[in-house]
Amino acid sequence: ELKKMPKRKRENNNGGSSSMLLSANTDLGQHFLKNPAIVDAIVERSAVQATDTVLEVGPGTGNLTVKLLAVAKKVVAIEYDRRMVREVQKRVEDDPRKHRLQVVQGDVLKSPLPYFDVCVANLPYQISSAFLFKLLAHRPFFRSAVIMLQEEFAARLSAKPGESLYCRLSVNTQILARVEQLIKVGRNNFRPPPKVDSRVVRITVRNPPPPINFLEWDGLIKIAFSRKNKTLRAVFTTKTVLADLQSASLTWQALQQTKLGKTTTQSAKIFDKTTIDNTLLKESDSSISSPGNLKGIVESILAQDRFKDKRAAKMDIDDFLALLAAFNEAGLHFT
């Protein structure tokens, strides 16, 4: 259930905005959450248990950090801005629970993630997508993530087929995780106010994960949503897509031959595009080797009742899974 938080007066530095705060660096996407009611709601929705390790990304001045320290066994906070690292450390220096806090200075996209049970993050908007997929790929599995995102980005995560915001991001997120929209947060709850409103979402990774090669899955989805309102036939039978599909399929065949020990001394060159194009064409399925035959195979797949006249904009995950399986059964691959 999506809720809009009420306004509330500022509190002292144990729960809300501390006084005399450092200025935000908007070049880094910093917008400090100043409404303590929202801080409390995020902690509540995170459902942190006393035995949990929490990963906090972008602690800023520590408004959320001090609340998490009160309920978690350990908090690992990753912060890029050295000024904020010092601010958070200063914020907790008199807190009897400060031993529970580990502050890591660095770029969360480049740093290995520690073990954690719950992730809580007020992300700079420009790293939202990259961090989301790093999070979804993280192992071992974590219980959940409660993240503040730009409103439209958050809405895309849970958009459904036929909705205007339904896109590649929607499908790729939903096959890996469940997304719940939790709280709408107006821009005036931040200092300085961003240009758009935000939402807090809860993300729960699917465990076990779907039995797919995600890189190949994304290859298919990227093509399908390149023109999401066109028919699959119109999208997948362009010369560029067919050429890429042929190259990827031949590479896949070559890799399978390598794994099965069926390659010759040329196996050392197996990843060279020229080698693939000039040598493996002779060893591969002739239907894939011929551009004309390849187009015919693709058209026959897309003529099936399930895919005929279909457009990505209105297809669900089961449709895409069936489409990928149909391509793979025909010897066609996307990575």
C-alpha atoms as a PDB file:
ATOM      1  CA  GLU A   1       0.000   0.000   0.000  1.00  0.00           C
ATOM      2  CA  LEU A   2       1.503   3.301  -1.118  1.00  0.00           C
ATOM      3  CA  LYS A   3       1.309   5.979   1.556  1.00  0.00           C
ATOM      4  CA  LYS A   4       2.086   9.676   1.544  1.00  0.00           C
ATOM      5  CA  MET A   5       3.883  10.786   4.675  1.00  0.00           C
ATOM      6  CA  PRO A   6       2.605  13.676   6.793  1.00  0.00           C
ATOM      7  CA  LYS A   7       4.696  16.714   7.588  1.00  0.00           C
ATOM      8  CA  ARG A   8       6.382  16.732  10.973  1.00  0.00           C
ATOM      9  CA  LYS A   9       8.502  19.147  12.925  1.00  0.00           C
ATOM     10  CA  ARG A  10      12.257  18.788  13.075  1.00  0.00           C
ATOM     11  CA  GLU A  11      13.747  16.729  15.868  1.00  0.00           C
ATOM     12  CA  ASN A  12      17.166  16.696  17.474  1.00  0.00           C
ATOM     13  CA  ASN A  13      20.097  14.823  15.987  1.00  0.00           C
ATOM     14  CA  ASN A  14      19.041  11.482  17.428  1.00  0.00           C
ATOM     15  CA  GLY A  15      16.246  11.108  14.926  1.00  0.00           C
ATOM     16  CA  GLY A  16      15.816  13.947  12.479  1.00  0.00           C
ATOM     17  CA  SER A  17      17.885  16.656  10.872  1.00  0.00           C
ATOM     18  CA  SER A  18      20.870  17.754  12.882  1.00  0.00           C
ATOM     19  CA  SER A  19      21.681  21.423  13.092  1.00  0.00           C
ATOM     20  CA  MET A  20      24.479  23.145  11.223  1.00  0.00           C
ATOM     21  CA  LEU A  21      24.655  20.454   8.560  1.00  0.00           C
ATOM     22  CA  LEU A  22      27.176  20.451   5.760  1.00  0.00           C
ATOM     23  CA  SER A  23      25.921  21.641   2.398  1.00  0.00           C
ATOM     24  CA  ALA A  24      24.881  18.978  -0.083  1.00  0.00           C
ATOM     25  CA  ASN A  25      27.021  18.326  -3.131  1.00  0.00           C
ATOM     26  CA  THR A  26      24.385  18.176  -5.851  1.00  0.00           C
ATOM     27  CA  ASP A  27      27.023  17.106  -8.399  1.00  0.00           C
ATOM     28  CA  LEU A  28      27.071  13.827  -6.464  1.00  0.00           C
ATOM     29  CA  GLY A  29      23.283  13.733  -6.383  1.00  0.00           C
ATOM     30  CA  GLN A  30      23.127  14.517  -2.674  1.00  0.00           C
ATOM     31  CA  HIS A  31      19.723  15.471  -1.273  1.00  0.00           C
ATOM     32  CA  PHE A  32      19.487  15.021   2.490  1.00  0.00           C
ATOM     33  CA  LEU A  33      16.269  13.587   3.884  1.00  0.00           C
ATOM     34  CA  LYS A  34      15.184  16.009   6.585  1.00  0.00           C
ATOM     35  CA  ASN A  35      11.729  14.758   7.641  1.00  0.00           C
ATOM     36  CA  PRO A  36      12.142  12.474  10.699  1.00  0.00           C
ATOM     37  CA  ALA A  37       8.710  10.949  10.145  1.00  0.00           C
ATOM     38  CA  ILE A  38       9.954   9.472   6.872  1.00  0.00           C
ATOM     39  CA  VAL A  39      13.181   8.315   8.510  1.00  0.00           C
ATOM     40  CA  ASP A  40      11.106   6.456  11.100  1.00  0.00           C
ATOM     41  CA  ALA A  41       8.838   4.983   8.421  1.00  0.00           C
ATOM     42  CA  ILE A  42      11.800   3.672   6.410  1.00  0.00           C
ATOM     43  CA  VAL A  43      13.249   1.958   9.478  1.00  0.00           C
ATOM     44  CA  GLU A  44       9.848   0.479  10.320  1.00  0.00           C
ATOM     45  CA  ARG A  45       9.287  -0.819   6.775  1.00  0.00           C
ATOM     46  CA  SER A  46      12.791  -2.292   6.727  1.00  0.00           C
ATOM     47  CA  ALA A  47      11.705  -4.695   9.503  1.00  0.00           C
ATOM     48  CA  VAL A  48      15.248  -4.917  10.822  1.00  0.00           C
ATOM     49  CA  GLN A  49      15.758  -7.631  13.435  1.00  0.00           C
ATOM     50  CA  ALA A  50      18.142  -7.484  16.378  1.00  0.00           C
ATOM     51  CA  THR A  51      20.410 -10.101  14.772  1.00  0.00           C
ATOM     52  CA  ASP A  52      20.623  -8.351  11.381  1.00  0.00           C
ATOM     53  CA  THR A  53      23.522  -6.763   9.575  1.00  0.00           C
ATOM     54  CA  VAL A  54      22.281  -3.753   7.608  1.00  0.00           C
ATOM     55  CA  LEU A  55      23.953  -2.318   4.528  1.00  0.00           C
ATOM     56  CA  GLU A  56      23.266   1.408   4.268  1.00  0.00           C
ATOM     57  CA  VAL A  57      24.223   3.144   1.032  1.00  0.00           C
ATOM     58  CA  GLY A  58      24.674   6.906   1.134  1.00  0.00           C
ATOM     59  CA  PRO A  59      24.272   7.637   4.861  1.00  0.00           C
ATOM     60  CA  GLY A  60      24.831  11.354   4.276  1.00  0.00           C
ATOM     61  CA  THR A  61      24.673  13.143   7.625  1.00  0.00           C
ATOM     62  CA  GLY A  62      23.518  10.036   9.493  1.00  0.00           C
ATOM     63  CA  ASN A  63      19.830  10.713  10.142  1.00  0.00           C
ATOM     64  CA  LEU A  64      18.902   7.186   9.097  1.00  0.00           C
ATOM     65  CA  THR A  65      22.124   5.637  10.382  1.00  0.00           C
ATOM     66  CA  VAL A  66      21.481   6.450  14.047  1.00  0.00           C
ATOM     67  CA  LYS A  67      17.990   4.959  13.817  1.00  0.00           C
ATOM     68  CA  LEU A  68      19.338   1.767  12.253  1.00  0.00           C
ATOM     69  CA  LEU A  69      21.990   1.440  14.969  1.00  0.00           C
ATOM     70  CA  ALA A  70      19.190   1.312  17.525  1.00  0.00           C
ATOM     71  CA  VAL A  71      17.643  -1.808  16.004  1.00  0.00           C
ATOM     72  CA  ALA A  72      20.400  -3.707  14.148  1.00  0.00           C
ATOM     73  CA  LYS A  73      23.299  -5.853  15.322  1.00  0.00           C
ATOM     74  CA  LYS A  74      25.606  -4.113  12.845  1.00  0.00           C
ATOM     75  CA  VAL A  75      25.382  -1.347  10.236  1.00  0.00           C
ATOM     76  CA  VAL A  76      27.850  -1.136   7.341  1.00  0.00           C
ATOM     77  CA  ALA A  77      27.520   2.314   5.755  1.00  0.00           C
ATOM     78  CA  ILE A  78      29.138   2.975   2.367  1.00  0.00           C
ATOM     79  CA  GLU A  79      29.654   6.664   1.588  1.00  0.00           C
ATOM     80  CA  TYR A  80      31.487   8.245  -1.358  1.00  0.00           C
ATOM     81  CA  ASP A  81      31.867  11.772   0.077  1.00  0.00           C
ATOM     82  CA  ARG A  82      34.696  11.993   2.619  1.00  0.00           C
ATOM     83  CA  ARG A  83      32.975  14.968   4.279  1.00  0.00           C
ATOM     84  CA  MET A  84      29.948  12.820   5.025  1.00  0.00           C
ATOM     85  CA  VAL A  85      32.115   9.985   6.346  1.00  0.00           C
ATOM     86  CA  ARG A  86      33.535  12.377   8.933  1.00  0.00           C
ATOM     87  CA  GLU A  87      30.049  13.761   9.669  1.00  0.00           C
ATOM     88  CA  VAL A  88      28.581  10.318  10.354  1.00  0.00           C
ATOM     89  CA  GLN A  89      31.518   9.334  12.544  1.00  0.00           C
ATOM     90  CA  LYS A  90      31.182  12.577  14.474  1.00  0.00           C
ATOM     91  CA  ARG A  91      27.432  12.028  14.768  1.00  0.00           C
ATOM     92  CA  VAL A  92      27.859   8.734  16.633  1.00  0.00           C
ATOM     93  CA  GLU A  93      30.986   9.449  18.675  1.00  0.00           C
ATOM     94  CA  ASP A  94      28.943   9.739  21.906  1.00  0.00           C
ATOM     95  CA  ASP A  95      26.482   6.998  20.983  1.00  0.00           C
ATOM     96  CA  PRO A  96      26.918   3.876  23.171  1.00  0.00           C
ATOM     97  CA  ARG A  97      26.075   1.779  20.101  1.00  0.00           C
ATOM     98  CA  LYS A  98      28.806   3.256  17.887  1.00  0.00           C
ATOM     99  CA  HIS A  99      30.694  -0.070  17.965  1.00  0.00           C
ATOM    100  CA  ARG A 100      27.917  -1.455  15.776  1.00  0.00           C
ATOM    101  CA  LEU A 101      28.794   0.946  12.948  1.00  0.00           C
ATOM    102  CA  GLN A 102      31.356   0.393  10.207  1.00  0.00           C
ATOM    103  CA  VAL A 103      31.731   3.297   7.772  1.00  0.00           C
ATOM    104  CA  VAL A 104      33.347   2.532   4.413  1.00  0.00           C
ATOM    105  CA  GLN A 105      34.508   5.392   2.210  1.00  0.00           C
ATOM    106  CA  GLY A 106      34.228   4.489  -1.452  1.00  0.00           C
ATOM    107  CA  ASP A 107      32.164   4.100  -4.609  1.00  0.00           C
ATOM    108  CA  VAL A 108      29.476   1.508  -3.949  1.00  0.00           C
ATOM    109  CA  LEU A 109      29.423   0.553  -7.636  1.00  0.00           C
ATOM    110  CA  LYS A 110      33.129  -0.320  -7.547  1.00  0.00           C
ATOM    111  CA  SER A 111      33.340  -1.720  -4.019  1.00  0.00           C
ATOM    112  CA  PRO A 112      32.550  -5.335  -3.139  1.00  0.00           C
ATOM    113  CA  LEU A 113      29.387  -5.525  -1.071  1.00  0.00           C
ATOM    114  CA  PRO A 114      29.722  -7.051   2.406  1.00  0.00           C
ATOM    115  CA  TYR A 115      27.455  -9.735   3.803  1.00  0.00           C
ATOM    116  CA  PHE A 116      24.136  -8.212   4.887  1.00  0.00           C
ATOM    117  CA  ASP A 117      20.573  -9.206   5.719  1.00  0.00           C
ATOM    118  CA  VAL A 118      18.811  -5.951   4.817  1.00  0.00           C
ATOM    119  CA  CYS A 119      19.833  -3.061   2.577  1.00  0.00           C
ATOM    120  CA  VAL A 120      18.589   0.474   3.235  1.00  0.00           C
ATOM    121  CA  ALA A 121      19.525   3.223   0.812  1.00  0.00           C
ATOM    122  CA  ASN A 122      18.724   6.818  -0.094  1.00  0.00           C
ATOM    123  CA  LEU A 123      20.429   6.618  -3.481  1.00  0.00           C
ATOM    124  CA  PRO A 124      21.779   9.375  -5.690  1.00  0.00           C
ATOM    125  CA  TYR A 125      19.427   9.104  -8.640  1.00  0.00           C
ATOM    126  CA  GLN A 126      22.185   8.773 -11.226  1.00  0.00           C
ATOM    127  CA  ILE A 127      23.373   5.411  -9.856  1.00  0.00           C
ATOM    128  CA  SER A 128      19.931   3.898  -9.238  1.00  0.00           C
ATOM    129  CA  SER A 129      19.897   1.442 -12.158  1.00  0.00           C
ATOM    130  CA  ALA A 130      23.512   0.315 -11.851  1.00  0.00           C
ATOM    131  CA  PHE A 131      23.222  -0.231  -8.100  1.00  0.00           C
ATOM    132  CA  LEU A 132      19.885  -2.022  -8.404  1.00  0.00           C
ATOM    133  CA  PHE A 133      21.293  -4.702 -10.703  1.00  0.00           C
ATOM    134  CA  LYS A 134      24.461  -5.038  -8.638  1.00  0.00           C
ATOM    135  CA  LEU A 135      22.175  -5.618  -5.660  1.00  0.00           C
ATOM    136  CA  LEU A 136      20.033  -8.182  -7.498  1.00  0.00           C
ATOM    137  CA  ALA A 137      23.151 -10.120  -8.509  1.00  0.00           C
ATOM    138  CA  HIS A 138      24.578 -10.154  -4.962  1.00  0.00           C
ATOM    139  CA  ARG A 139      25.135 -13.474  -3.236  1.00  0.00           C
ATOM    140  CA  PRO A 140      24.493 -14.813  -0.690  1.00  0.00           C
ATOM    141  CA  PHE A 141      20.843 -13.822  -0.848  1.00  0.00           C
ATOM    142  CA  PHE A 142      19.674 -11.024   1.432  1.00  0.00           C
ATOM    143  CA  ARG A 143      16.184 -10.739   2.898  1.00  0.00           C
ATOM    144  CA  SER A 144      15.084  -7.409   1.434  1.00  0.00           C
ATOM    145  CA  ALA A 145      16.119  -3.917   0.380  1.00  0.00           C
ATOM    146  CA  VAL A 146      14.229  -0.717   1.176  1.00  0.00           C
ATOM    147  CA  ILE A 147      15.379   2.003  -1.188  1.00  0.00           C
ATOM    148  CA  MET A 148      14.516   5.642  -1.904  1.00  0.00           C
ATOM    149  CA  LEU A 149      14.261   6.259  -5.652  1.00  0.00           C
ATOM    150  CA  GLN A 150      13.125   8.917  -8.088  1.00  0.00           C
ATOM    151  CA  GLU A 151       9.358   8.538  -8.418  1.00  0.00           C
ATOM    152  CA  GLU A 152       9.230   7.663 -12.113  1.00  0.00           C
ATOM    153  CA  PHE A 153      12.134   5.221 -11.818  1.00  0.00           C
ATOM    154  CA  ALA A 154      10.388   3.515  -8.892  1.00  0.00           C
ATOM    155  CA  ALA A 155       7.147   3.322 -10.850  1.00  0.00           C
ATOM    156  CA  ARG A 156       8.948   1.691 -13.788  1.00  0.00           C
ATOM    157  CA  LEU A 157      10.195  -1.098 -11.525  1.00  0.00           C
ATOM    158  CA  SER A 158       6.678  -2.396 -10.930  1.00  0.00           C
ATOM    159  CA  ALA A 159       4.979  -1.259 -14.159  1.00  0.00           C
ATOM    160  CA  LYS A 160       2.755  -3.859 -15.833  1.00  0.00           C
ATOM    161  CA  PRO A 161       2.274  -4.821 -19.500  1.00  0.00           C
ATOM    162  CA  GLY A 162       0.251  -2.193 -21.338  1.00  0.00           C
ATOM    163  CA  GLU A 163       1.191   0.644 -18.977  1.00  0.00           C
ATOM    164  CA  SER A 164       3.103   3.587 -20.414  1.00  0.00           C
ATOM    165  CA  LEU A 165       6.078   3.137 -18.066  1.00  0.00           C
ATOM    166  CA  TYR A 166       6.470  -0.590 -18.813  1.00  0.00           C
ATOM    167  CA  CYS A 167       9.972  -1.066 -20.187  1.00  0.00           C
ATOM    168  CA  ARG A 168      13.143  -3.154 -20.230  1.00  0.00           C
ATOM    169  CA  LEU A 169      13.848  -2.081 -16.630  1.00  0.00           C
ATOM    170  CA  SER A 170      10.412  -3.352 -15.528  1.00  0.00           C
ATOM    171  CA  VAL A 171      10.872  -6.803 -17.027  1.00  0.00           C
ATOM    172  CA  ASN A 172      14.475  -7.264 -15.940  1.00  0.00           C
ATOM    173  CA  THR A 173      13.664  -6.261 -12.375  1.00  0.00           C
ATOM    174  CA  GLN A 174      10.499  -8.294 -12.037  1.00  0.00           C
ATOM    175  CA  ILE A 175      12.041 -11.537 -13.277  1.00  0.00           C
ATOM    176  CA  LEU A 176      14.671 -11.259 -10.533  1.00  0.00           C
ATOM    177  CA  ALA A 177      12.678  -9.700  -7.684  1.00  0.00           C
ATOM    178  CA  ARG A 178       9.350  -8.658  -6.224  1.00  0.00           C
ATOM    179  CA  VAL A 179       8.842  -4.896  -5.926  1.00  0.00           C
ATOM    180  CA  GLU A 180       6.462  -3.182  -3.495  1.00  0.00           C
ATOM    181  CA  GLN A 181       5.712   0.537  -3.605  1.00  0.00           C
ATOM    182  CA  LEU A 182       5.765   1.739   0.012  1.00  0.00           C
ATOM    183  CA  ILE A 183       5.880   5.504   0.555  1.00  0.00           C
ATOM    184  CA  LYS A 184       5.564   8.564  -1.656  1.00  0.00           C
ATOM    185  CA  VAL A 185       8.001  11.266  -0.544  1.00  0.00           C
ATOM    186  CA  GLY A 186       7.523  14.833  -1.759  1.00  0.00           C
ATOM    187  CA  ARG A 187      10.559  16.792  -2.916  1.00  0.00           C
ATOM    188  CA  ASN A 188      10.242  19.302  -0.052  1.00  0.00           C
ATOM    189  CA  ASN A 189      11.237  16.601   2.435  1.00  0.00           C
ATOM    190  CA  PHE A 190      14.821  16.938   1.214  1.00  0.00           C
ATOM    191  CA  ARG A 191      17.530  19.548   1.579  1.00  0.00           C
ATOM    192  CA  PRO A 192      18.039  20.882  -1.037  1.00  0.00           C
ATOM    193  CA  PRO A 193      14.768  19.836  -2.733  1.00  0.00           C
ATOM    194  CA  PRO A 194      15.332  17.726  -5.881  1.00  0.00           C
ATOM    195  CA  LYS A 195      13.421  18.532  -9.054  1.00  0.00           C
ATOM    196  CA  VAL A 196      11.123  15.517  -8.700  1.00  0.00           C
ATOM    197  CA  ASP A 197       9.316  13.576  -5.990  1.00  0.00           C
ATOM    198  CA  SER A 198      10.586  10.246  -4.666  1.00  0.00           C
ATOM    199  CA  ARG A 199       9.243   6.890  -3.591  1.00  0.00           C
ATOM    200  CA  VAL A 200      10.434   4.267  -1.167  1.00  0.00           C
ATOM    201  CA  VAL A 201      10.201   0.708  -2.479  1.00  0.00           C
ATOM    202  CA  ARG A 202      10.859  -2.708  -0.998  1.00  0.00           C
ATOM    203  CA  ILE A 203      12.736  -5.181  -3.181  1.00  0.00           C
ATOM    204  CA  THR A 204      12.797  -8.894  -2.389  1.00  0.00           C
ATOM    205  CA  VAL A 205      15.034 -11.077  -4.546  1.00  0.00           C
ATOM    206  CA  ARG A 206      13.479 -14.249  -5.930  1.00  0.00           C
ATOM    207  CA  ASN A 207      15.089 -17.273  -4.313  1.00  0.00           C
ATOM    208  CA  PRO A 208      15.772 -19.530  -6.069  1.00  0.00           C
ATOM    209  CA  PRO A 209      16.487 -17.294  -9.052  1.00  0.00           C
ATOM    210  CA  PRO A 210      14.842 -18.002 -12.420  1.00  0.00           C
ATOM    211  CA  PRO A 211      16.614 -20.723 -14.455  1.00  0.00           C
ATOM    212  CA  ILE A 212      17.895 -18.385 -17.156  1.00  0.00           C
ATOM    213  CA  ASN A 213      21.168 -16.969 -18.402  1.00  0.00           C
ATOM    214  CA  PHE A 214      20.486 -13.341 -17.471  1.00  0.00           C
ATOM    215  CA  LEU A 215      22.885 -11.906 -20.057  1.00  0.00           C
ATOM    216  CA  GLU A 216      21.089 -13.790 -22.814  1.00  0.00           C
ATOM    217  CA  TRP A 217      17.709 -12.842 -21.349  1.00  0.00           C
ATOM    218  CA  ASP A 218      18.690  -9.175 -21.339  1.00  0.00           C
ATOM    219  CA  GLY A 219      19.937  -9.482 -24.918  1.00  0.00           C
ATOM    220  CA  LEU A 220      16.449 -10.569 -25.976  1.00  0.00           C
ATOM    221  CA  ILE A 221      14.676  -7.951 -23.840  1.00  0.00           C
ATOM    222  CA  LYS A 222      16.914  -5.139 -25.082  1.00  0.00           C
ATOM    223  CA  ILE A 223      15.989  -5.904 -28.695  1.00  0.00           C
ATOM    224  CA  ALA A 224      12.287  -6.384 -27.942  1.00  0.00           C
ATOM    225  CA  PHE A 225      12.002  -3.030 -26.144  1.00  0.00           C
ATOM    226  CA  SER A 226      14.123  -1.096 -28.643  1.00  0.00           C
ATOM    227  CA  ARG A 227      10.773  -0.416 -30.343  1.00  0.00           C
ATOM    228  CA  LYS A 228       8.294  -1.741 -27.837  1.00  0.00           C
ATOM    229  CA  ASN A 229       5.165  -0.740 -29.770  1.00  0.00           C
ATOM    230  CA  LYS A 230       6.242  -2.440 -33.002  1.00  0.00           C
ATOM    231  CA  THR A 231       5.434  -6.093 -33.696  1.00  0.00           C
ATOM    232  CA  LEU A 232       8.080  -8.637 -32.779  1.00  0.00           C
ATOM    233  CA  ARG A 233       8.414  -9.493 -36.456  1.00  0.00           C
ATOM    234  CA  ALA A 234       9.199  -5.880 -37.352  1.00  0.00           C
ATOM    235  CA  VAL A 235      11.797  -5.648 -34.583  1.00  0.00           C
ATOM    236  CA  PHE A 236      13.570  -8.996 -34.936  1.00  0.00           C
ATOM    237  CA  THR A 237      13.832  -9.173 -38.742  1.00  0.00           C
ATOM    238  CA  THR A 238      15.830  -5.991 -39.334  1.00  0.00           C
ATOM    239  CA  LYS A 239      19.239  -6.528 -40.950  1.00  0.00           C
ATOM    240  CA  THR A 240      21.061  -5.246 -37.873  1.00  0.00           C
ATOM    241  CA  VAL A 241      19.234  -7.520 -35.432  1.00  0.00           C
ATOM    242  CA  LEU A 242      19.608 -10.554 -37.704  1.00  0.00           C
ATOM    243  CA  ALA A 243      23.349  -9.907 -38.071  1.00  0.00           C
ATOM    244  CA  ASP A 244      23.778  -9.588 -34.313  1.00  0.00           C
ATOM    245  CA  LEU A 245      21.665 -12.683 -33.729  1.00  0.00           C
ATOM    246  CA  GLN A 246      23.745 -14.687 -36.200  1.00  0.00           C
ATOM    247  CA  SER A 247      27.022 -13.570 -34.614  1.00  0.00           C
ATOM    248  CA  ALA A 248      25.810 -14.297 -31.082  1.00  0.00           C
ATOM    249  CA  SER A 249      24.464 -17.717 -32.075  1.00  0.00           C
ATOM    250  CA  LEU A 250      27.703 -18.723 -33.785  1.00  0.00           C
ATOM    251  CA  THR A 251      29.685 -17.564 -30.771  1.00  0.00           C
ATOM    252  CA  TRP A 252      27.417 -19.607 -28.511  1.00  0.00           C
ATOM    253  CA  GLN A 253      27.952 -22.683 -30.709  1.00  0.00           C
ATOM    254  CA  ALA A 254      31.701 -22.150 -30.577  1.00  0.00           C
ATOM    255  CA  LEU A 255      31.650 -21.936 -26.800  1.00  0.00           C
ATOM    256  CA  GLN A 256      29.646 -25.165 -26.585  1.00  0.00           C
ATOM    257  CA  GLN A 257      32.159 -26.891 -28.858  1.00  0.00           C
ATOM    258  CA  THR A 258      34.945 -25.677 -26.596  1.00  0.00           C
ATOM    259  CA  LYS A 259      33.204 -27.024 -23.499  1.00  0.00           C
ATOM    260  CA  LEU A 260      32.643 -30.382 -25.160  1.00  0.00           C
ATOM    261  CA  GLY A 261      36.240 -30.615 -26.333  1.00  0.00           C
ATOM    262  CA  LYS A 262      35.263 -30.765 -30.000  1.00  0.00           C
ATOM    263  CA  THR A 263      37.357 -27.871 -31.221  1.00  0.00           C
ATOM    264  CA  THR A 264      40.640 -28.106 -33.060  1.00  0.00           C
ATOM    265  CA  THR A 265      43.856 -26.206 -32.471  1.00  0.00           C
ATOM    266  CA  GLN A 266      41.908 -23.151 -33.570  1.00  0.00           C
ATOM    267  CA  SER A 267      40.152 -23.185 -30.184  1.00  0.00           C
ATOM    268  CA  ALA A 268      42.633 -20.614 -28.916  1.00  0.00           C
ATOM    269  CA  LYS A 269      41.193 -18.231 -31.505  1.00  0.00           C
ATOM    270  CA  ILE A 270      37.573 -19.102 -30.815  1.00  0.00           C
ATOM    271  CA  PHE A 271      36.630 -15.630 -29.595  1.00  0.00           C
ATOM    272  CA  ASP A 272      38.055 -13.848 -32.631  1.00  0.00           C
ATOM    273  CA  LYS A 273      35.201 -12.504 -34.757  1.00  0.00           C
ATOM    274  CA  THR A 274      37.015 -13.131 -38.038  1.00  0.00           C
ATOM    275  CA  THR A 275      37.701 -16.722 -37.033  1.00  0.00           C
ATOM    276  CA  ILE A 276      34.046 -17.213 -36.153  1.00  0.00           C
ATOM    277  CA  ASP A 277      32.815 -15.635 -39.352  1.00  0.00           C
ATOM    278  CA  ASN A 278      35.220 -17.422 -41.709  1.00  0.00           C
ATOM    279  CA  THR A 279      35.790 -20.806 -40.069  1.00  0.00           C
ATOM    280  CA  LEU A 280      32.901 -21.695 -37.810  1.00  0.00           C
ATOM    281  CA  LEU A 281      30.339 -20.945 -40.493  1.00  0.00           C
ATOM    282  CA  LYS A 282      31.445 -24.190 -42.136  1.00  0.00           C
ATOM    283  CA  GLU A 283      30.969 -26.182 -38.923  1.00  0.00           C
ATOM    284  CA  SER A 284      27.732 -24.624 -37.735  1.00  0.00           C
ATOM    285  CA  ASP A 285      24.127 -25.241 -38.629  1.00  0.00           C
ATOM    286  CA  SER A 286      23.844 -24.148 -42.250  1.00  0.00           C
ATOM    287  CA  SER A 287      20.436 -22.598 -41.552  1.00  0.00           C
ATOM    288  CA  ILE A 288      22.061 -20.162 -39.127  1.00  0.00           C
ATOM    289  CA  SER A 289      25.019 -19.521 -41.414  1.00  0.00           C
ATOM    290  CA  SER A 290      22.804 -18.265 -44.237  1.00  0.00           C
ATOM    291  CA  PRO A 291      21.245 -14.809 -43.624  1.00  0.00           C
ATOM    292  CA  GLY A 292      18.248 -15.744 -45.769  1.00  0.00           C
ATOM    293  CA  ASN A 293      17.631 -18.979 -43.903  1.00  0.00           C
ATOM    294  CA  LEU A 294      18.140 -17.237 -40.572  1.00  0.00           C
ATOM    295  CA  LYS A 295      15.446 -14.706 -41.371  1.00  0.00           C
ATOM    296  CA  GLY A 296      13.113 -17.551 -42.302  1.00  0.00           C
ATOM    297  CA  ILE A 297      13.730 -19.277 -38.983  1.00  0.00           C
ATOM    298  CA  VAL A 298      13.036 -16.075 -37.065  1.00  0.00           C
ATOM    299  CA  GLU A 299       9.851 -15.431 -39.048  1.00  0.00           C
ATOM    300  CA  SER A 300       8.620 -18.980 -38.425  1.00  0.00           C
ATOM    301  CA  ILE A 301       9.130 -18.564 -34.680  1.00  0.00           C
ATOM    302  CA  LEU A 302       7.291 -15.247 -34.627  1.00  0.00           C
ATOM    303  CA  ALA A 303       4.435 -16.664 -36.725  1.00  0.00           C
ATOM    304  CA  GLN A 304       3.454 -18.964 -33.867  1.00  0.00           C
ATOM    305  CA  ASP A 305       0.101 -18.097 -32.309  1.00  0.00           C
ATOM    306  CA  ARG A 306       1.699 -16.955 -29.042  1.00  0.00           C
ATOM    307  CA  PHE A 307       3.931 -14.408 -30.789  1.00  0.00           C
ATOM    308  CA  LYS A 308       2.067 -13.429 -33.934  1.00  0.00           C
ATOM    309  CA  ASP A 309       1.314  -9.698 -34.014  1.00  0.00           C
ATOM    310  CA  LYS A 310       2.594  -9.375 -30.436  1.00  0.00           C
ATOM    311  CA  ARG A 311       4.342  -6.238 -29.195  1.00  0.00           C
ATOM    312  CA  ALA A 312       6.783  -6.074 -26.282  1.00  0.00           C
ATOM    313  CA  ALA A 313       4.743  -3.304 -24.666  1.00  0.00           C
ATOM    314  CA  LYS A 314       1.957  -5.780 -23.884  1.00  0.00           C
ATOM    315  CA  MET A 315       3.913  -8.996 -23.243  1.00  0.00           C
ATOM    316  CA  ASP A 316       4.438 -10.391 -19.756  1.00  0.00           C
ATOM    317  CA  ILE A 317       7.397 -12.294 -18.347  1.00  0.00           C
ATOM    318  CA  ASP A 318       5.939 -15.698 -19.254  1.00  0.00           C
ATOM    319  CA  ASP A 319       5.610 -14.529 -22.869  1.00  0.00           C
ATOM    320  CA  PHE A 320       9.261 -13.460 -22.954  1.00  0.00           C
ATOM    321  CA  LEU A 321      10.394 -16.710 -21.336  1.00  0.00           C
ATOM    322  CA  ALA A 322       8.496 -18.657 -23.995  1.00  0.00           C
ATOM    323  CA  LEU A 323      10.006 -16.460 -26.730  1.00  0.00           C
ATOM    324  CA  LEU A 324      13.551 -17.036 -25.466  1.00  0.00           C
ATOM    325  CA  ALA A 325      12.911 -20.781 -25.260  1.00  0.00           C
ATOM    326  CA  ALA A 326      11.600 -20.809 -28.845  1.00  0.00           C
ATOM    327  CA  PHE A 327      14.697 -19.010 -30.122  1.00  0.00           C
ATOM    328  CA  ASN A 328      17.009 -21.329 -28.157  1.00  0.00           C
ATOM    329  CA  GLU A 329      15.231 -24.449 -29.439  1.00  0.00           C
ATOM    330  CA  ALA A 330      15.932 -23.199 -32.963  1.00  0.00           C
ATOM    331  CA  GLY A 331      19.617 -22.791 -32.119  1.00  0.00           C
ATOM    332  CA  LEU A 332      19.447 -19.019 -31.797  1.00  0.00           C
ATOM    333  CA  HIS A 333      21.050 -17.182 -28.902  1.00  0.00           C
ATOM    334  CA  PHE A 334      21.536 -13.617 -27.733  1.00  0.00           C
ATOM    335  CA  THR A 335      24.949 -13.705 -26.065  1.00  0.00           C
END
